[in-house]
Amino acid sequence: MSGDGVTVKIGGLATPAFVEDVLDTLDSLWEATPFVPDEDRTLFMLAVSEVTTNIAQHGGDGVHVEAQFSVDGNQLIALLRDTAPPAGLDPGPAVMPGTDCESGRGLALTLAVLDDFQHDGAGDGNVWTLRRTFSRA
């Protein structure tokens, strides 16, 4: 499989525009790794979008994010570091809210489409790690 070990990076202030820039950065990763199945691209982008949107919405003013996205073997990996106050995440399973709720689906969707989702808020800021193994490796 050609293209193993391809990595792209982006950094900036956690704003809605940054979320769009992240998705454009992922598009450049897909150009370099045409062998990544479309379904995996789409679901990984959904998870990355949810996490970066949450950082932008809940992190506070002036939060900076450094993001690295990789294709390594048969896995998609995102590593996001932000300068927001440590996020209080319930480590238990996320439950999809009822249909009458207008928010609260992001974590549940993220967990549903990833093989691994880790959050470390023990230091300055937060580190988010997202992994998805190709559906047909």
N, C-alpha and C. Protein backbone atom coordinates (compact mmCIF):
# COMPACT_ATOMS: atom_id res chain seq x y z
N MET A 1 0.85 -1.17 0.00
CA MET A 1 0.00 0.00 0.00
C MET A 1 0.90 1.23 0.00
N SER A 2 0.85 2.05 -1.04
CA SER A 2 1.67 3.24 -1.07
C SER A 2 1.05 4.34 -0.24
N GLY A 3 1.88 5.29 0.21
CA GLY A 3 1.35 6.42 0.96
C GLY A 3 1.29 6.20 2.45
N ASP A 4 1.76 5.03 2.96
CA ASP A 4 1.75 4.81 4.40
C ASP A 4 2.58 5.88 5.09
N GLY A 5 2.15 6.30 6.24
CA GLY A 5 2.89 7.26 7.02
C GLY A 5 2.72 8.70 6.57
N VAL A 6 1.70 9.02 5.83
CA VAL A 6 1.46 10.39 5.37
C VAL A 6 0.83 11.19 6.51
N THR A 7 1.38 12.40 6.75
CA THR A 7 0.90 13.26 7.83
C THR A 7 0.74 14.68 7.32
N VAL A 8 -0.33 15.34 7.76
CA VAL A 8 -0.54 16.76 7.50
C VAL A 8 -0.83 17.45 8.83
N LYS A 9 -0.47 18.73 8.91
CA LYS A 9 -0.63 19.48 10.15
C LYS A 9 -1.26 20.83 9.88
N ILE A 10 -1.93 21.36 10.91
CA ILE A 10 -2.51 22.69 10.85
C ILE A 10 -2.61 23.23 12.27
N GLY A 11 -2.53 24.53 12.39
CA GLY A 11 -2.69 25.16 13.70
C GLY A 11 -3.42 26.48 13.53
N GLY A 12 -4.06 26.92 14.61
CA GLY A 12 -4.75 28.20 14.56
C GLY A 12 -5.66 28.39 15.75
N LEU A 13 -6.34 29.52 15.75
CA LEU A 13 -7.31 29.81 16.81
C LEU A 13 -8.55 28.96 16.61
N ALA A 14 -9.10 28.49 17.70
CA ALA A 14 -10.28 27.62 17.67
C ALA A 14 -11.52 28.46 17.37
N THR A 15 -11.82 28.56 16.08
CA THR A 15 -12.97 29.32 15.60
C THR A 15 -13.71 28.46 14.58
N PRO A 16 -14.93 28.86 14.20
CA PRO A 16 -15.61 28.12 13.12
C PRO A 16 -14.79 28.09 11.83
N ALA A 17 -14.06 29.15 11.54
CA ALA A 17 -13.22 29.15 10.33
C ALA A 17 -12.11 28.11 10.43
N PHE A 18 -11.58 27.91 11.64
CA PHE A 18 -10.55 26.89 11.83
C PHE A 18 -11.11 25.50 11.54
N VAL A 19 -12.34 25.25 11.95
CA VAL A 19 -12.98 23.95 11.67
C VAL A 19 -13.01 23.72 10.16
N GLU A 20 -13.37 24.73 9.40
CA GLU A 20 -13.37 24.62 7.93
C GLU A 20 -11.96 24.36 7.40
N ASP A 21 -10.97 25.06 7.97
CA ASP A 21 -9.58 24.86 7.55
C ASP A 21 -9.12 23.43 7.85
N VAL A 22 -9.56 22.88 8.97
CA VAL A 22 -9.24 21.49 9.31
C VAL A 22 -9.79 20.54 8.25
N LEU A 23 -11.02 20.76 7.84
CA LEU A 23 -11.63 19.88 6.83
C LEU A 23 -10.90 20.02 5.49
N ASP A 24 -10.46 21.24 5.15
CA ASP A 24 -9.66 21.42 3.94
C ASP A 24 -8.32 20.69 4.05
N THR A 25 -7.74 20.70 5.24
CA THR A 25 -6.47 20.00 5.48
C THR A 25 -6.67 18.49 5.30
N LEU A 26 -7.80 17.99 5.80
CA LEU A 26 -8.09 16.56 5.60
C LEU A 26 -8.24 16.25 4.11
N ASP A 27 -8.82 17.17 3.34
CA ASP A 27 -8.92 16.96 1.89
C ASP A 27 -7.53 16.78 1.28
N SER A 28 -6.55 17.53 1.77
CA SER A 28 -5.18 17.37 1.24
C SER A 28 -4.60 16.01 1.62
N LEU A 29 -4.98 15.50 2.79
CA LEU A 29 -4.55 14.16 3.19
C LEU A 29 -5.16 13.11 2.25
N TRP A 30 -6.42 13.29 1.90
CA TRP A 30 -7.08 12.32 1.01
C TRP A 30 -6.44 12.34 -0.37
N GLU A 31 -6.01 13.51 -0.83
CA GLU A 31 -5.34 13.59 -2.14
C GLU A 31 -4.05 12.77 -2.14
N ALA A 32 -3.36 12.77 -1.00
CA ALA A 32 -2.09 12.04 -0.89
C ALA A 32 -2.29 10.56 -0.59
N THR A 33 -3.51 10.16 -0.23
CA THR A 33 -3.78 8.77 0.15
C THR A 33 -5.07 8.28 -0.51
N PRO A 34 -5.07 8.16 -1.83
CA PRO A 34 -6.30 7.79 -2.53
C PRO A 34 -6.82 6.39 -2.19
N PHE A 35 -5.99 5.57 -1.55
CA PHE A 35 -6.39 4.20 -1.19
C PHE A 35 -7.29 4.16 0.05
N VAL A 36 -7.42 5.26 0.78
CA VAL A 36 -8.27 5.25 1.98
C VAL A 36 -9.73 5.15 1.53
N PRO A 37 -10.46 4.15 2.03
CA PRO A 37 -11.85 3.97 1.61
C PRO A 37 -12.71 5.20 1.92
N ASP A 38 -13.62 5.52 0.99
CA ASP A 38 -14.48 6.70 1.13
C ASP A 38 -15.27 6.70 2.43
N GLU A 39 -15.80 5.55 2.82
CA GLU A 39 -16.59 5.47 4.05
C GLU A 39 -15.75 5.88 5.26
N ASP A 40 -14.51 5.41 5.30
CA ASP A 40 -13.63 5.75 6.42
C ASP A 40 -13.28 7.23 6.42
N ARG A 41 -13.05 7.79 5.24
CA ARG A 41 -12.79 9.23 5.15
C ARG A 41 -13.96 10.01 5.73
N THR A 42 -15.15 9.67 5.28
CA THR A 42 -16.35 10.41 5.69
C THR A 42 -16.58 10.32 7.19
N LEU A 43 -16.49 9.12 7.74
CA LEU A 43 -16.75 8.94 9.17
C LEU A 43 -15.66 9.57 10.03
N PHE A 44 -14.41 9.49 9.57
CA PHE A 44 -13.32 10.13 10.30
C PHE A 44 -13.49 11.65 10.28
N MET A 45 -13.85 12.20 9.12
CA MET A 45 -14.08 13.64 9.03
C MET A 45 -15.23 14.07 9.94
N LEU A 46 -16.25 13.26 10.06
CA LEU A 46 -17.37 13.57 10.96
C LEU A 46 -16.86 13.68 12.40
N ALA A 47 -16.07 12.71 12.82
CA ALA A 47 -15.55 12.73 14.19
C ALA A 47 -14.63 13.93 14.43
N VAL A 48 -13.73 14.18 13.49
CA VAL A 48 -12.82 15.32 13.62
C VAL A 48 -13.60 16.62 13.65
N SER A 49 -14.60 16.74 12.81
CA SER A 49 -15.43 17.95 12.79
C SER A 49 -16.15 18.15 14.12
N GLU A 50 -16.68 17.08 14.69
CA GLU A 50 -17.37 17.18 15.98
C GLU A 50 -16.43 17.66 17.08
N VAL A 51 -15.23 17.08 17.14
CA VAL A 51 -14.29 17.44 18.19
C VAL A 51 -13.80 18.87 18.01
N THR A 52 -13.41 19.25 16.79
CA THR A 52 -12.92 20.61 16.58
C THR A 52 -14.02 21.64 16.77
N THR A 53 -15.24 21.31 16.39
CA THR A 53 -16.36 22.22 16.63
C THR A 53 -16.59 22.41 18.11
N ASN A 54 -16.52 21.33 18.89
CA ASN A 54 -16.68 21.45 20.34
C ASN A 54 -15.58 22.29 20.96
N ILE A 55 -14.35 22.14 20.49
CA ILE A 55 -13.26 22.96 20.99
C ILE A 55 -13.55 24.44 20.70
N ALA A 56 -13.99 24.72 19.47
CA ALA A 56 -14.28 26.10 19.08
C ALA A 56 -15.46 26.67 19.88
N GLN A 57 -16.47 25.87 20.13
CA GLN A 57 -17.66 26.35 20.83
C GLN A 57 -17.48 26.47 22.33
N HIS A 58 -16.73 25.55 22.92
CA HIS A 58 -16.67 25.48 24.38
C HIS A 58 -15.32 25.82 24.98
N GLY A 59 -14.30 26.01 24.16
CA GLY A 59 -12.96 26.23 24.67
C GLY A 59 -12.72 27.61 25.25
N GLY A 60 -13.44 28.60 24.77
CA GLY A 60 -13.23 29.96 25.25
C GLY A 60 -12.46 30.79 24.23
N ASP A 61 -12.38 32.08 24.50
CA ASP A 61 -11.70 33.01 23.59
C ASP A 61 -10.20 32.78 23.61
N GLY A 62 -9.59 32.92 22.44
CA GLY A 62 -8.14 32.84 22.33
C GLY A 62 -7.54 31.45 22.43
N VAL A 63 -8.37 30.42 22.35
CA VAL A 63 -7.85 29.05 22.41
C VAL A 63 -7.15 28.72 21.10
N HIS A 64 -5.96 28.17 21.21
CA HIS A 64 -5.18 27.76 20.05
C HIS A 64 -5.22 26.24 19.94
N VAL A 65 -5.26 25.76 18.71
CA VAL A 65 -5.28 24.31 18.45
C VAL A 65 -4.17 23.95 17.46
N GLU A 66 -3.46 22.91 17.77
CA GLU A 66 -2.51 22.28 16.85
C GLU A 66 -3.09 20.92 16.50
N ALA A 67 -3.22 20.65 15.21
CA ALA A 67 -3.82 19.39 14.76
C ALA A 67 -2.88 18.67 13.81
N GLN A 68 -2.79 17.37 13.99
CA GLN A 68 -1.99 16.52 13.11
C GLN A 68 -2.87 15.34 12.70
N PHE A 69 -2.91 15.09 11.40
CA PHE A 69 -3.73 14.01 10.84
C PHE A 69 -2.82 13.09 10.04
N SER A 70 -2.96 11.78 10.28
CA SER A 70 -2.07 10.81 9.64
C SER A 70 -2.84 9.62 9.12
N VAL A 71 -2.28 9.04 8.07
CA VAL A 71 -2.65 7.71 7.62
C VAL A 71 -1.42 6.87 7.91
N ASP A 72 -1.59 5.87 8.76
CA ASP A 72 -0.49 5.01 9.18
C ASP A 72 -0.95 3.57 9.02
N GLY A 73 -0.42 2.92 8.00
CA GLY A 73 -0.87 1.55 7.72
C GLY A 73 -2.33 1.57 7.30
N ASN A 74 -3.17 0.91 8.10
CA ASN A 74 -4.60 0.87 7.80
C ASN A 74 -5.41 1.69 8.80
N GLN A 75 -4.78 2.74 9.37
CA GLN A 75 -5.46 3.57 10.36
C GLN A 75 -5.41 5.04 9.99
N LEU A 76 -6.48 5.72 10.38
CA LEU A 76 -6.53 7.18 10.34
C LEU A 76 -6.36 7.65 11.77
N ILE A 77 -5.48 8.62 11.98
CA ILE A 77 -5.18 9.09 13.33
C ILE A 77 -5.22 10.61 13.34
N ALA A 78 -5.90 11.16 14.33
CA ALA A 78 -5.90 12.61 14.57
C ALA A 78 -5.36 12.85 15.97
N LEU A 79 -4.47 13.81 16.08
CA LEU A 79 -3.96 14.25 17.36
C LEU A 79 -4.18 15.75 17.43
N LEU A 80 -5.02 16.17 18.37
CA LEU A 80 -5.36 17.59 18.54
C LEU A 80 -4.91 18.04 19.91
N ARG A 81 -4.20 19.15 19.95
CA ARG A 81 -3.77 19.75 21.22
C ARG A 81 -4.35 21.15 21.27
N ASP A 82 -5.04 21.47 22.37
CA ASP A 82 -5.58 22.82 22.50
C ASP A 82 -5.13 23.45 23.81
N THR A 83 -5.31 24.76 23.89
CA THR A 83 -4.91 25.51 25.07
C THR A 83 -6.11 25.87 25.94
N ALA A 84 -7.23 25.22 25.72
CA ALA A 84 -8.44 25.47 26.52
C ALA A 84 -8.26 24.90 27.92
N PRO A 85 -9.05 25.40 28.88
CA PRO A 85 -9.04 24.75 30.19
C PRO A 85 -9.39 23.27 30.03
N PRO A 86 -8.85 22.41 30.88
CA PRO A 86 -9.15 20.98 30.75
C PRO A 86 -10.66 20.72 30.67
N ALA A 87 -11.04 19.96 29.66
CA ALA A 87 -12.45 19.65 29.44
C ALA A 87 -12.88 18.54 30.40
N GLY A 88 -14.02 18.71 31.01
CA GLY A 88 -14.56 17.67 31.88
C GLY A 88 -15.41 16.72 31.08
N LEU A 89 -14.83 15.60 30.70
CA LEU A 89 -15.57 14.60 29.93
C LEU A 89 -15.91 13.43 30.82
N ASP A 90 -17.12 12.94 30.68
CA ASP A 90 -17.53 11.73 31.36
C ASP A 90 -16.91 10.56 30.60
N PRO A 91 -16.03 9.78 31.24
CA PRO A 91 -15.36 8.70 30.51
C PRO A 91 -16.28 7.53 30.16
N GLY A 92 -17.49 7.53 30.67
CA GLY A 92 -18.42 6.44 30.38
C GLY A 92 -18.94 6.53 28.96
N PRO A 93 -19.73 5.57 28.56
CA PRO A 93 -20.27 5.57 27.20
C PRO A 93 -21.23 6.74 27.01
N ALA A 94 -21.12 7.38 25.86
CA ALA A 94 -22.02 8.49 25.53
C ALA A 94 -23.33 7.93 25.00
N VAL A 95 -24.39 8.53 25.42
CA VAL A 95 -25.72 8.10 24.99
C VAL A 95 -26.30 9.16 24.07
N MET A 96 -26.86 8.73 22.96
CA MET A 96 -27.47 9.66 22.02
C MET A 96 -28.70 10.28 22.67
N PRO A 97 -28.78 11.63 22.68
CA PRO A 97 -29.95 12.27 23.29
C PRO A 97 -31.20 12.04 22.45
N GLY A 98 -32.34 12.33 23.05
CA GLY A 98 -33.61 12.16 22.36
C GLY A 98 -33.73 13.05 21.14
N THR A 99 -34.70 12.74 20.30
CA THR A 99 -34.87 13.49 19.05
C THR A 99 -35.31 14.92 19.30
N ASP A 100 -35.83 15.23 20.48
CA ASP A 100 -36.26 16.59 20.76
C ASP A 100 -35.11 17.48 21.25
N CYS A 101 -33.93 16.91 21.49
CA CYS A 101 -32.77 17.68 21.94
C CYS A 101 -32.08 18.31 20.73
N GLU A 102 -31.63 19.55 20.91
CA GLU A 102 -30.98 20.26 19.81
C GLU A 102 -29.47 20.11 19.81
N SER A 103 -28.90 19.56 20.88
CA SER A 103 -27.45 19.38 20.92
C SER A 103 -27.12 18.15 21.75
N GLY A 104 -25.84 17.86 21.89
CA GLY A 104 -25.42 16.75 22.73
C GLY A 104 -25.15 15.46 22.00
N ARG A 105 -25.14 15.50 20.66
CA ARG A 105 -24.92 14.28 19.89
C ARG A 105 -23.46 14.08 19.50
N GLY A 106 -22.64 15.13 19.60
CA GLY A 106 -21.27 15.09 19.10
C GLY A 106 -20.43 13.98 19.67
N LEU A 107 -20.40 13.84 20.99
CA LEU A 107 -19.57 12.81 21.60
C LEU A 107 -20.10 11.41 21.24
N ALA A 108 -21.40 11.24 21.26
CA ALA A 108 -21.98 9.94 20.91
C ALA A 108 -21.65 9.56 19.47
N LEU A 109 -21.75 10.52 18.55
CA LEU A 109 -21.41 10.26 17.15
C LEU A 109 -19.93 9.93 17.01
N THR A 110 -19.10 10.71 17.70
CA THR A 110 -17.66 10.49 17.64
C THR A 110 -17.30 9.09 18.10
N LEU A 111 -17.84 8.68 19.24
CA LEU A 111 -17.56 7.35 19.77
C LEU A 111 -18.08 6.25 18.84
N ALA A 112 -19.18 6.51 18.18
CA ALA A 112 -19.78 5.49 17.30
C ALA A 112 -18.95 5.23 16.05
N VAL A 113 -18.22 6.23 15.56
CA VAL A 113 -17.53 6.07 14.28
C VAL A 113 -16.03 5.82 14.43
N LEU A 114 -15.52 5.88 15.65
CA LEU A 114 -14.09 5.67 15.87
C LEU A 114 -13.84 4.32 16.55
N ASP A 115 -12.63 3.80 16.35
CA ASP A 115 -12.21 2.61 17.07
C ASP A 115 -11.58 2.97 18.41
N ASP A 116 -11.07 4.20 18.52
CA ASP A 116 -10.46 4.65 19.76
C ASP A 116 -10.59 6.17 19.85
N PHE A 117 -10.99 6.64 21.02
CA PHE A 117 -11.10 8.07 21.29
C PHE A 117 -10.57 8.31 22.69
N GLN A 118 -9.52 9.11 22.78
CA GLN A 118 -8.89 9.40 24.06
C GLN A 118 -8.85 10.90 24.30
N HIS A 119 -9.02 11.27 25.56
CA HIS A 119 -8.89 12.68 25.96
C HIS A 119 -8.00 12.74 27.18
N ASP A 120 -7.03 13.65 27.15
CA ASP A 120 -6.18 13.89 28.31
C ASP A 120 -6.23 15.37 28.62
N GLY A 121 -6.81 15.71 29.76
CA GLY A 121 -6.90 17.09 30.19
C GLY A 121 -6.13 17.33 31.47
N ALA A 122 -5.11 16.51 31.70
CA ALA A 122 -4.38 16.59 32.96
C ALA A 122 -3.34 17.71 32.99
N GLY A 123 -2.89 18.17 31.84
CA GLY A 123 -1.87 19.21 31.80
C GLY A 123 -2.48 20.55 31.44
N ASP A 124 -1.68 21.38 30.80
CA ASP A 124 -2.18 22.66 30.29
C ASP A 124 -2.92 22.37 28.99
N GLY A 125 -4.21 22.59 28.99
CA GLY A 125 -4.99 22.34 27.80
C GLY A 125 -5.47 20.90 27.73
N ASN A 126 -5.75 20.48 26.52
CA ASN A 126 -6.32 19.16 26.27
C ASN A 126 -5.59 18.51 25.11
N VAL A 127 -5.50 17.19 25.16
CA VAL A 127 -4.98 16.40 24.05
C VAL A 127 -6.07 15.40 23.69
N TRP A 128 -6.45 15.41 22.43
CA TRP A 128 -7.50 14.55 21.90
C TRP A 128 -6.87 13.62 20.87
N THR A 129 -7.09 12.32 21.01
CA THR A 129 -6.57 11.35 20.06
C THR A 129 -7.73 10.55 19.48
N LEU A 130 -7.83 10.54 18.16
CA LEU A 130 -8.91 9.84 17.46
C LEU A 130 -8.28 8.84 16.51
N ARG A 131 -8.79 7.61 16.50
CA ARG A 131 -8.29 6.57 15.60
C ARG A 131 -9.46 5.82 14.96
N ARG A 132 -9.27 5.55 13.68
CA ARG A 132 -10.23 4.71 12.96
C ARG A 132 -9.45 3.77 12.06
N THR A 133 -9.73 2.48 12.19
CA THR A 133 -9.13 1.47 11.32
C THR A 133 -9.99 1.35 10.08
N PHE A 134 -9.36 1.21 8.93
CA PHE A 134 -10.11 1.08 7.67
C PHE A 134 -11.11 -0.05 7.80
N SER A 135 -12.29 0.17 7.27
CA SER A 135 -13.34 -0.84 7.34
C SER A 135 -13.00 -2.07 6.51
N ARG A 136 -12.26 -1.90 5.46
CA ARG A 136 -11.78 -3.04 4.67
C ARG A 136 -10.28 -2.89 4.49
N ALA A 137 -9.58 -3.29 5.54
CA ALA A 137 -8.11 -3.11 5.58
C ALA A 137 -7.42 -4.05 4.63
